N, C-alpha and C. Protein backbone atom coordinates (compact mmCIF):
# COMPACT_ATOMS: atom_id res chain seq x y z
N UNK A 1 -0.14 -24.28 -9.24
CA UNK A 1 -0.15 -24.88 -10.53
C UNK A 1 1.25 -23.81 -11.22
N UNK A 2 1.83 -24.42 -12.34
CA UNK A 2 2.62 -23.81 -12.73
C UNK A 2 2.40 -23.37 -14.19
N UNK A 3 3.63 -23.13 -14.85
CA UNK A 3 3.06 -22.71 -16.59
C UNK A 3 3.38 -23.94 -17.34
N UNK A 4 2.58 -23.83 -18.46
CA UNK A 4 2.51 -24.97 -19.45
C UNK A 4 3.38 -24.53 -20.65
N UNK A 5 4.15 -23.42 -20.23
CA UNK A 5 4.72 -22.83 -21.39
C UNK A 5 5.97 -23.97 -21.73
N UNK A 6 6.47 -24.01 -23.13
CA UNK A 6 7.21 -24.86 -23.35
C UNK A 6 8.54 -24.23 -23.62
N UNK A 7 9.12 -23.71 -22.72
CA UNK A 7 10.45 -22.97 -22.74
C UNK A 7 11.62 -23.55 -21.99
N UNK A 8 12.86 -22.74 -22.14
CA UNK A 8 13.95 -23.20 -21.45
C UNK A 8 13.52 -23.43 -19.83
N UNK A 9 14.51 -23.99 -19.27
CA UNK A 9 14.37 -24.54 -18.33
C UNK A 9 14.42 -22.95 -17.30
N UNK A 10 15.51 -22.23 -17.63
CA UNK A 10 15.61 -20.66 -16.97
C UNK A 10 14.38 -19.79 -17.38
N UNK A 11 13.54 -19.99 -18.46
CA UNK A 11 12.25 -19.29 -18.52
C UNK A 11 11.04 -19.84 -17.69
N UNK A 12 11.03 -21.35 -17.70
CA UNK A 12 10.15 -21.65 -16.61
C UNK A 12 10.23 -21.86 -15.53
N UNK A 13 11.42 -21.66 -14.78
CA UNK A 13 11.64 -21.45 -13.25
C UNK A 13 10.96 -19.82 -13.15
N UNK A 14 11.75 -19.34 -13.63
CA UNK A 14 10.94 -17.68 -13.49
C UNK A 14 9.66 -17.60 -13.64
N UNK A 15 8.87 -18.17 -14.75
CA UNK A 15 7.66 -17.89 -15.07
C UNK A 15 6.87 -18.51 -13.78
N UNK A 16 7.05 -19.88 -13.46
CA UNK A 16 6.64 -20.45 -12.24
C UNK A 16 7.33 -19.59 -10.96
N UNK A 17 8.38 -18.84 -10.99
CA UNK A 17 8.12 -18.18 -9.43
C UNK A 17 7.55 -17.29 -9.46
N UNK A 18 7.32 -16.35 -10.76
CA UNK A 18 6.31 -14.84 -10.77
C UNK A 18 5.28 -15.45 -10.26
N UNK A 19 4.41 -16.69 -11.35
CA UNK A 19 3.03 -17.02 -11.10
C UNK A 19 2.93 -16.88 -9.44
N UNK A 20 3.65 -17.97 -8.84
CA UNK A 20 3.63 -17.94 -7.27
C UNK A 20 3.51 -16.93 -6.68
N UNK A 21 4.57 -15.87 -7.05
CA UNK A 21 4.89 -14.72 -6.16
C UNK A 21 3.46 -13.76 -6.29
N UNK A 22 2.79 -13.71 -7.79
CA UNK A 22 1.49 -12.55 -8.26
C UNK A 22 0.31 -13.75 -7.18
N UNK A 23 0.26 -14.89 -7.51
CA UNK A 23 -0.80 -15.26 -6.90
C UNK A 23 -1.17 -15.41 -5.58
N UNK A 24 0.09 -15.34 -4.60
CA UNK A 24 0.47 -15.16 -3.26
C UNK A 24 -0.07 -13.94 -2.84
N UNK A 25 0.43 -12.85 -3.42
CA UNK A 25 0.28 -11.49 -3.06
C UNK A 25 -1.26 -10.82 -3.32
N UNK A 26 -1.74 -11.62 -4.57
CA UNK A 26 -3.16 -10.86 -4.66
C UNK A 26 -3.81 -12.12 -3.23
N UNK A 27 -3.76 -13.09 -3.06
CA UNK A 27 -4.45 -13.83 -1.92
C UNK A 27 -4.25 -13.34 -0.43
N UNK A 28 -3.37 -12.91 -0.48
CA UNK A 28 -3.00 -12.42 0.85
C UNK A 28 -3.40 -10.94 0.84
N UNK A 29 -3.22 -10.02 0.16
CA UNK A 29 -3.94 -8.83 0.11
C UNK A 29 -5.04 -8.76 -0.14
N UNK A 30 -6.11 -9.71 -1.03
CA UNK A 30 -7.47 -9.70 -0.56
C UNK A 30 -8.13 -10.22 0.57
N UNK A 31 -7.27 -11.11 1.39
CA UNK A 31 -7.86 -11.39 2.49
C UNK A 31 -7.35 -10.12 3.67
N UNK A 32 -6.47 -9.36 3.36
CA UNK A 32 -6.22 -8.19 4.59
C UNK A 32 -6.68 -7.19 4.37
N UNK A 33 -7.12 -6.91 2.87
CA UNK A 33 -7.68 -5.81 2.77
C UNK A 33 -9.46 -5.77 2.84
N UNK A 34 -10.12 -6.88 2.67
CA UNK A 34 -11.23 -7.41 2.93
C UNK A 34 -11.91 -6.00 3.81
N UNK A 35 -11.26 -6.06 4.93
CA UNK A 35 -12.30 -5.46 6.24
C UNK A 35 -11.94 -3.82 5.81
N UNK A 36 -11.62 -3.44 4.93
CA UNK A 36 -11.83 -2.19 4.47
C UNK A 36 -12.85 -1.47 4.05
N UNK A 37 -13.38 -2.35 3.76
CA UNK A 37 -15.07 -1.99 3.03
C UNK A 37 -15.96 -1.80 4.57
N UNK A 38 -15.30 -1.87 5.65
CA UNK A 38 -16.31 -1.36 6.83
C UNK A 38 -15.89 0.00 6.98
N UNK A 39 -15.12 0.74 6.68
CA UNK A 39 -14.29 1.89 6.41
C UNK A 39 -14.85 2.51 5.66
N UNK A 40 -15.19 1.75 4.58
CA UNK A 40 -15.76 2.51 3.35
C UNK A 40 -14.64 3.43 2.38
N UNK A 41 -13.31 2.61 2.85
CA UNK A 41 -12.21 2.85 1.98
C UNK A 41 -11.70 2.20 0.75
N UNK A 42 -11.29 2.90 -0.49
CA UNK A 42 -10.53 1.81 -1.49
C UNK A 42 -8.94 1.83 -0.77
N UNK A 43 -8.37 0.86 -1.32
CA UNK A 43 -7.25 0.73 -0.85
C UNK A 43 -5.88 1.58 -1.01
N UNK A 44 -6.14 2.63 -2.38
CA UNK A 44 -5.54 3.50 -2.23
C UNK A 44 -5.76 4.71 -1.15
N UNK A 45 -7.03 4.95 -0.91
CA UNK A 45 -7.19 5.86 0.36
C UNK A 45 -6.66 5.37 1.51
N UNK A 46 -7.00 4.02 1.86
CA UNK A 46 -6.33 3.45 3.17
C UNK A 46 -4.74 4.20 3.13
N UNK A 47 -3.99 3.46 1.93
CA UNK A 47 -2.83 3.60 1.54
C UNK A 47 -1.96 5.39 2.30
N UNK A 48 -3.10 6.12 1.40
CA UNK A 48 -3.05 7.50 2.11
C UNK A 48 -3.13 7.96 3.66
N UNK A 49 -4.10 7.46 3.87
CA UNK A 49 -4.38 8.18 5.32
C UNK A 49 -3.43 7.37 6.30
N UNK A 50 -2.72 5.64 5.68
CA UNK A 50 -1.85 5.26 6.95
C UNK A 50 -0.55 6.04 6.60
N UNK A 51 0.01 6.05 5.31
CA UNK A 51 0.87 7.00 5.41
C UNK A 51 1.06 8.33 5.89
N UNK A 52 -0.13 9.36 5.77
CA UNK A 52 -0.79 10.34 6.61
C UNK A 52 -0.56 10.03 8.49
N UNK A 53 -0.80 9.17 8.60
CA UNK A 53 -0.76 8.64 10.05
C UNK A 53 0.34 8.54 10.61
N UNK A 54 1.60 7.55 10.03
CA UNK A 54 2.86 7.86 10.41
C UNK A 54 4.10 8.62 10.16
N UNK A 55 3.58 9.26 8.72
CA UNK A 55 4.50 10.04 8.15
C UNK A 55 4.41 11.32 8.63
N UNK A 56 3.30 11.87 8.67
CA UNK A 56 2.80 13.36 9.05
C UNK A 56 2.44 13.91 7.62
N UNK A 57 2.55 15.20 7.68
CA UNK A 57 1.85 16.08 6.38
C UNK A 57 2.82 15.86 5.50
N UNK A 58 2.24 15.44 4.27
CA UNK A 58 3.14 15.49 3.00
C UNK A 58 2.51 15.81 1.65
N UNK A 59 3.66 16.51 0.89
CA UNK A 59 3.23 17.25 -0.52
C UNK A 59 2.46 15.92 -1.06
N UNK A 60 1.40 16.29 -1.99
CA UNK A 60 0.51 15.28 -2.57
C UNK A 60 1.47 14.72 -3.53
N UNK A 61 2.33 15.07 -4.39
CA UNK A 61 3.50 14.41 -5.24
C UNK A 61 4.04 13.41 -4.44
N UNK A 62 4.77 13.84 -3.46
CA UNK A 62 5.39 12.61 -2.48
C UNK A 62 4.70 11.59 -1.83
N UNK A 63 3.09 11.97 -1.72
CA UNK A 63 2.18 11.07 -1.00
C UNK A 63 1.92 10.14 -2.17
N UNK A 64 2.21 10.62 -3.69
CA UNK A 64 1.38 9.59 -4.70
C UNK A 64 2.69 8.93 -4.87
N UNK A 65 3.92 9.28 -4.73
CA UNK A 65 5.45 8.38 -4.96
C UNK A 65 5.05 7.34 -3.97
N UNK A 66 4.95 7.76 -2.21
CA UNK A 66 4.87 6.77 -1.55
C UNK A 66 4.17 5.59 -1.69
N UNK A 67 2.44 5.78 -2.16
CA UNK A 67 1.51 5.03 -2.33
C UNK A 67 1.57 4.52 -3.94
N UNK A 68 2.76 4.54 -4.53
CA UNK A 68 2.78 3.97 -5.95
C UNK A 68 1.77 4.56 -6.86
N UNK A 69 1.21 5.89 -6.90
CA UNK A 69 0.06 6.32 -7.96
C UNK A 69 0.37 7.27 -8.54
N UNK A 70 -0.02 7.56 -9.77
CA UNK A 70 0.29 8.83 -10.80
C UNK A 70 -0.55 10.33 -9.86
N UNK A 71 0.20 11.29 -10.40
CA UNK A 71 -0.24 12.49 -10.28
C UNK A 71 -1.97 12.82 -9.85
N UNK A 72 -2.18 12.05 -11.35
CA UNK A 72 -3.78 12.15 -11.65
C UNK A 72 -4.71 11.16 -10.74
N UNK A 73 -4.00 10.22 -10.51
CA UNK A 73 -4.80 9.35 -9.54
C UNK A 73 -4.86 9.78 -8.34
N UNK A 74 -3.59 10.16 -7.32
CA UNK A 74 -3.43 10.78 -6.38
C UNK A 74 -4.52 11.91 -5.99
N UNK A 75 -4.34 12.93 -7.17
CA UNK A 75 -5.67 13.96 -6.95
C UNK A 75 -7.06 13.54 -6.91
N UNK A 76 -7.34 12.46 -7.46
CA UNK A 76 -8.58 12.05 -7.27
C UNK A 76 -9.00 11.21 -5.89
N UNK A 77 -7.84 10.63 -5.19
CA UNK A 77 -8.02 9.54 -3.88
C UNK A 77 -7.77 10.72 -2.93
N UNK A 78 -6.81 11.63 -3.03
CA UNK A 78 -6.71 13.16 -2.22
C UNK A 78 -8.39 14.03 -2.13
N UNK A 79 -9.05 14.27 -3.42
CA UNK A 79 -10.15 14.68 -3.37
C UNK A 79 -10.83 14.20 -2.91
N UNK A 80 -11.37 12.67 -2.90
CA UNK A 80 -12.48 11.80 -2.43
C UNK A 80 -12.46 11.71 -0.95
N UNK A 81 -11.05 12.08 -0.70
CA UNK A 81 -10.85 11.88 1.02
C UNK A 81 -11.31 13.02 1.77
N UNK A 82 -10.64 14.26 1.07
CA UNK A 82 -11.44 15.54 1.52
C UNK A 82 -13.10 15.76 1.56
N UNK A 83 -13.36 15.27 0.48
CA UNK A 83 -15.16 15.43 0.31
C UNK A 83 -15.60 14.98 1.83
N UNK A 84 -15.01 13.36 2.20
CA UNK A 84 -15.24 12.83 3.29
C UNK A 84 -14.78 13.65 4.59
N UNK A 85 -14.18 14.53 4.71
CA UNK A 85 -13.85 15.52 5.47
C UNK A 85 -12.50 14.61 6.46
N UNK A 86 -11.72 13.88 5.65
CA UNK A 86 -10.89 13.03 6.46
C UNK A 86 -9.19 13.37 6.28
N UNK A 87 -9.27 14.17 5.05
CA UNK A 87 -8.01 14.83 5.14
C UNK A 87 -8.28 16.43 4.74
N UNK A 88 -7.30 17.43 4.92
CA UNK A 88 -7.34 18.23 4.38
C UNK A 88 -5.85 18.95 3.52
N UNK A 89 -6.05 19.63 2.32
CA UNK A 89 -5.07 20.49 2.05
C UNK A 89 -4.69 21.76 2.57
N UNK A 90 -3.30 21.76 2.82
CA UNK A 90 -3.12 23.24 3.88
C UNK A 90 -1.96 23.29 2.68
N UNK A 91 -1.96 25.19 2.30
CA UNK A 91 -0.57 25.81 1.76
C UNK A 91 0.50 25.62 2.43
N UNK A 92 2.01 25.30 1.64
CA UNK A 92 2.90 25.50 2.09
C UNK A 92 3.48 26.53 2.33
N UNK A 93 3.64 27.10 3.48
CA UNK A 93 4.39 28.17 3.92
C UNK A 93 5.26 28.68 3.45
N UNK A 94 6.17 27.92 3.09
CA UNK A 94 7.57 27.61 2.22
C UNK A 94 7.53 28.11 0.73
N UNK A 95 6.51 27.52 0.34
CA UNK A 95 6.24 27.47 -1.29
C UNK A 95 4.76 27.35 -1.49
N UNK A 96 4.37 28.60 -1.25
CA UNK A 96 2.64 29.03 -1.84
C UNK A 96 2.19 28.11 -2.73
N UNK A 97 3.02 27.77 -3.87
CA UNK A 97 2.70 27.01 -5.16
C UNK A 97 2.47 25.71 -4.73
N UNK A 98 2.67 25.08 -3.49
CA UNK A 98 2.27 23.58 -3.06
C UNK A 98 1.30 23.38 -1.97
N UNK A 99 0.41 22.33 -1.49
CA UNK A 99 -0.02 22.29 -0.56
C UNK A 99 0.48 20.55 -0.21
N UNK A 100 0.55 20.91 1.54
CA UNK A 100 0.65 19.95 2.23
C UNK A 100 -0.68 19.14 2.41
N UNK A 101 -0.46 17.92 2.55
CA UNK A 101 -1.98 16.67 2.77
C UNK A 101 -1.79 16.44 4.23
N UNK A 102 -2.96 16.71 4.72
CA UNK A 102 -2.87 16.18 6.15
C UNK A 102 -4.37 15.67 6.70
N UNK A 103 -3.93 14.67 7.56
CA UNK A 103 -5.36 14.00 8.47
C UNK A 103 -6.17 15.12 9.03
N UNK A 104 -7.18 15.17 9.02
CA UNK A 104 -8.28 15.66 9.98
C UNK A 104 -8.09 15.03 11.19
N UNK A 105 -8.70 15.71 12.30
CA UNK A 105 -9.22 15.26 13.27
C UNK A 105 -10.12 13.45 13.16
N UNK A 106 -11.25 14.00 12.40
CA UNK A 106 -11.74 12.88 11.97
C UNK A 106 -11.15 11.93 11.45
N UNK A 107 -10.33 11.91 10.28
CA UNK A 107 -9.59 10.99 9.78
C UNK A 107 -8.67 10.66 10.72
N UNK A 108 -7.91 11.12 11.68
CA UNK A 108 -7.26 10.25 12.81
C UNK A 108 -8.29 9.48 13.69
N UNK A 109 -9.25 9.73 14.11
CA UNK A 109 -9.93 8.85 14.46
C UNK A 109 -10.77 7.64 14.10
N UNK A 110 -10.51 7.80 12.84
CA UNK A 110 -10.98 6.62 11.93
C UNK A 110 -10.09 5.66 11.77
N UNK A 111 -9.05 6.51 11.29
CA UNK A 111 -7.86 5.62 11.28
C UNK A 111 -6.97 4.79 12.12
N UNK A 112 -6.70 5.48 13.34
CA UNK A 112 -5.69 5.20 14.37
C UNK A 112 -6.23 3.45 14.96
N UNK A 113 -7.41 3.66 15.59
CA UNK A 113 -7.78 2.49 15.94
C UNK A 113 -7.92 1.32 14.89
N UNK A 114 -8.42 1.39 13.86
CA UNK A 114 -8.32 0.56 12.88
C UNK A 114 -7.10 -0.35 12.53
N UNK A 115 -5.82 0.82 12.53
CA UNK A 115 -4.94 0.04 11.90
C UNK A 115 -3.78 -0.72 12.93
N UNK A 116 -4.10 -0.73 14.19
CA UNK A 116 -3.90 -1.72 14.73
C UNK A 116 -4.49 -3.45 14.95
N UNK A 117 -5.95 -3.05 14.30
CA UNK A 117 -6.78 -4.48 13.83
C UNK A 117 -5.81 -5.11 12.55
N UNK A 118 -5.69 -3.86 11.68
CA UNK A 118 -4.94 -4.00 10.02
C UNK A 118 -3.79 -4.93 10.38
N UNK A 119 -3.12 -4.23 11.45
CA UNK A 119 -1.51 -4.96 11.54
C UNK A 119 -1.94 -6.50 12.15
N UNK A 120 -2.74 -6.29 12.89
CA UNK A 120 -3.02 -7.85 13.57
C UNK A 120 -3.44 -9.04 12.49
N UNK A 121 -3.96 -8.61 11.26
CA UNK A 121 -4.26 -9.39 10.23
C UNK A 121 -3.15 -9.78 9.54
N UNK A 122 -2.41 -8.89 9.87
CA UNK A 122 -1.15 -8.83 8.62
C UNK A 122 -0.48 -10.07 9.37
N UNK A 123 -0.13 -9.87 10.51
CA UNK A 123 0.84 -10.87 11.28
C UNK A 123 0.47 -11.90 11.09
N UNK A 124 -0.98 -12.34 11.37
CA UNK A 124 -1.66 -13.38 11.09
C UNK A 124 -1.93 -14.00 9.77
N UNK A 125 -1.87 -13.44 8.88
CA UNK A 125 -1.51 -13.79 7.68
C UNK A 125 -0.07 -14.16 7.59
N UNK A 126 0.76 -13.86 7.94
CA UNK A 126 2.58 -13.95 7.79
C UNK A 126 2.75 -14.90 8.78
N UNK A 127 2.07 -15.44 9.85
CA UNK A 127 2.49 -16.10 10.52
C UNK A 127 2.44 -17.81 9.97
N UNK A 128 2.23 -17.86 9.16
CA UNK A 128 2.40 -19.40 8.08
C UNK A 128 4.25 -19.29 8.13
N UNK A 129 4.43 -18.68 8.02
CA UNK A 129 6.09 -18.35 7.99
C UNK A 129 6.79 -18.01 9.17
N UNK A 130 8.04 -19.02 9.25
CA UNK A 130 8.97 -18.69 10.47
C UNK A 130 9.41 -17.04 10.28
N UNK A 131 9.94 -16.17 11.37
CA UNK A 131 10.79 -15.33 11.42
C UNK A 131 11.56 -15.09 10.41
N UNK A 132 12.21 -15.94 10.80
CA UNK A 132 13.52 -16.45 9.61
C UNK A 132 12.93 -15.91 7.82
N UNK A 133 11.73 -17.11 7.41
CA UNK A 133 11.36 -17.16 6.37
C UNK A 133 10.80 -16.06 5.96
N UNK A 134 10.18 -14.62 6.75
CA UNK A 134 9.71 -13.70 6.57
C UNK A 134 10.55 -12.64 6.74
N UNK A 135 11.55 -12.84 6.96
CA UNK A 135 12.75 -11.96 6.61
C UNK A 135 13.68 -12.14 5.76
N UNK A 136 13.50 -13.73 4.99
CA UNK A 136 13.81 -13.59 3.71
C UNK A 136 13.07 -13.07 2.54
N UNK A 137 11.71 -13.54 3.07
CA UNK A 137 10.52 -13.29 2.07
C UNK A 137 10.64 -11.58 1.77
N UNK A 138 11.15 -11.04 2.86
CA UNK A 138 11.26 -9.41 2.75
C UNK A 138 12.68 -9.05 1.88
N UNK A 139 13.77 -9.58 1.85
CA UNK A 139 14.83 -9.29 1.43
C UNK A 139 14.61 -9.92 -0.23
N UNK A 140 14.14 -11.01 -0.24
CA UNK A 140 13.96 -11.36 -1.81
C UNK A 140 12.71 -10.52 -2.15
N UNK A 141 11.64 -9.96 -2.10
CA UNK A 141 10.72 -9.16 -2.60
C UNK A 141 11.30 -7.95 -2.87
N UNK A 142 12.30 -7.45 -1.82
CA UNK A 142 13.02 -6.05 -2.34
C UNK A 142 13.95 -6.41 -3.21
N UNK A 143 14.54 -7.21 -3.21
CA UNK A 143 15.60 -7.56 -4.12
C UNK A 143 14.89 -7.44 -5.68
N UNK A 144 13.89 -8.28 -5.66
CA UNK A 144 13.18 -7.97 -6.76
C UNK A 144 12.51 -6.57 -7.56
N UNK A 145 11.91 -6.61 -6.48
CA UNK A 145 11.40 -5.00 -6.52
C UNK A 145 12.10 -3.75 -7.09
N UNK A 146 13.43 -3.90 -6.39
CA UNK A 146 14.43 -2.52 -6.52
C UNK A 146 15.01 -2.87 -8.30
N UNK A 147 14.88 -3.77 -8.60
CA UNK A 147 15.33 -4.37 -9.91
C UNK A 147 15.49 -3.43 -10.93
N UNK A 148 16.09 -2.56 -11.51
CA UNK A 148 15.82 -1.72 -12.81
C UNK A 148 16.68 -2.09 -13.74
N UNK A 149 16.02 -1.79 -15.21
CA UNK A 149 16.34 -2.00 -16.27
C UNK A 149 17.93 -1.08 -16.70
């Protein structure tokens, strides 16, 4: 279903594309992320753990930028993961004012086996598109997402 807005052809085309993009992203995300409940993780917590698993220890500020969260929000996310023993903060030896966040053994044991199933869900969702369509979708999303004013 497209927009009922009575604008120019350019406006209607842009609105329809935007509506389809948002609906598709919400739909796919909700199906892929539904399994996070089994780990008792929020999407942000999973994003932090996945980043740490694949990129290694990171400063909290860099982690926030990586998963697109504000400094206040990333602090709360890391605090909650730390309370569960899934991550820990370690002083940066080069700059003692800062801390690295890293996965604990418990965190690694939780996220590692789960991640392959997560990837399989994503592959399944994206199988509706051909390889070429997936690559084109990636290019288009990057083009729209990196656009700056």
